[in-house]
Protein backbone atom coordinates (compact mmCIF):
# COMPACT_ATOMS: atom_id res chain seq x y z
CA UNK A 1 21.53 -2.77 -12.09
CA UNK A 2 21.42 -5.43 -14.98
CA UNK A 3 19.08 -5.26 -17.95
CA UNK A 4 17.06 -8.17 -16.83
CA UNK A 5 16.50 -6.59 -13.17
CA UNK A 6 15.42 -3.41 -15.00
CA UNK A 7 12.85 -4.97 -17.23
CA UNK A 8 11.29 -6.93 -14.26
CA UNK A 9 11.22 -3.70 -12.22
CA UNK A 10 9.23 -1.86 -15.28
CA UNK A 11 7.06 -4.81 -15.67
CA UNK A 12 6.05 -4.64 -12.02
CA UNK A 13 5.18 -0.91 -12.54
CA UNK A 14 2.71 -0.97 -15.41
CA UNK A 15 -0.65 -2.52 -15.24
CA UNK A 16 -2.83 -4.17 -17.77
CA UNK A 17 -6.63 -4.15 -17.07
CA UNK A 18 -9.41 -6.07 -18.74
CA UNK A 19 -12.91 -4.53 -18.47
CA UNK A 20 -16.28 -5.67 -19.80
CA UNK A 21 -18.55 -3.73 -22.15
CA UNK A 22 -19.94 -1.75 -19.15
CA UNK A 23 -16.60 -0.51 -18.02
CA UNK A 24 -16.41 -2.89 -15.08
CA UNK A 25 -13.01 -4.21 -14.38
CA UNK A 26 -12.68 -7.84 -14.79
CA UNK A 27 -9.06 -8.24 -13.95
CA UNK A 28 -6.21 -5.99 -13.34
CA UNK A 29 -2.58 -7.42 -13.14
CA UNK A 30 0.92 -6.14 -13.64
CA UNK A 31 2.59 -6.35 -16.95
CA UNK A 32 5.08 -8.89 -15.49
CA UNK A 33 2.39 -11.16 -14.59
CA UNK A 34 0.56 -10.85 -17.84
CA UNK A 35 3.61 -11.91 -19.74
CA UNK A 36 4.05 -14.84 -17.48
CA UNK A 37 0.48 -15.88 -17.95
CA UNK A 38 0.78 -15.65 -21.71
CA UNK A 39 3.92 -17.95 -21.45
CA UNK A 40 2.35 -20.50 -19.04
CA UNK A 41 -1.12 -20.45 -20.49
CA UNK A 42 -1.12 -19.42 -24.11
CA UNK A 43 -4.86 -20.61 -24.48
CA UNK A 44 -5.56 -17.67 -22.25
CA UNK A 45 -4.16 -15.14 -24.73
CA UNK A 46 -6.19 -16.82 -27.54
CA UNK A 47 -9.49 -16.32 -25.24
CA UNK A 48 -8.57 -12.61 -24.84
CA UNK A 49 -8.04 -12.07 -28.48
CA UNK A 50 -11.28 -13.85 -29.40
CA UNK A 51 -13.15 -11.73 -26.70
CA UNK A 52 -11.48 -8.67 -28.08
CA UNK A 53 -12.73 -9.50 -31.79
CA UNK A 54 -16.20 -10.00 -30.46
CA UNK A 55 -16.06 -6.65 -28.56
CA UNK A 56 -16.74 -8.41 -25.37
CA UNK A 57 -13.78 -6.65 -23.43
CA UNK A 58 -11.52 -3.79 -23.66
CA UNK A 59 -7.80 -3.60 -22.65
CA UNK A 60 -6.21 -0.74 -20.65
CA UNK A 61 -2.56 -0.24 -20.38
CA UNK A 62 -1.81 2.08 -17.29
CA UNK A 63 -5.38 3.43 -17.32
CA UNK A 64 -5.32 4.38 -20.93
CA UNK A 65 -7.48 2.26 -23.22
CA UNK A 66 -5.50 0.83 -26.10
CA UNK A 67 -6.40 2.17 -29.55
CA UNK A 68 -7.14 -1.19 -31.18
CA UNK A 69 -8.62 -0.73 -34.74
CA UNK A 70 -12.38 -0.87 -34.64
CA UNK A 71 -14.64 -0.58 -37.52
CA UNK A 72 -18.05 0.55 -37.13
């Protein structure tokens, strides 16, 4: 199996989940689709990053919340 095929397969296995402040799932997509969306619509990445900075959403990777630095 080639390296590209392995990367694509791994991207299909892992999931990225965006949740609101109350823990309700807003969107859950595979890592592969997340990368494709960031490439196709970089403005979407900016919206997600601003939402993270304002503490409006949380990001989970394979069911584990990412330990992004939060002060306070």
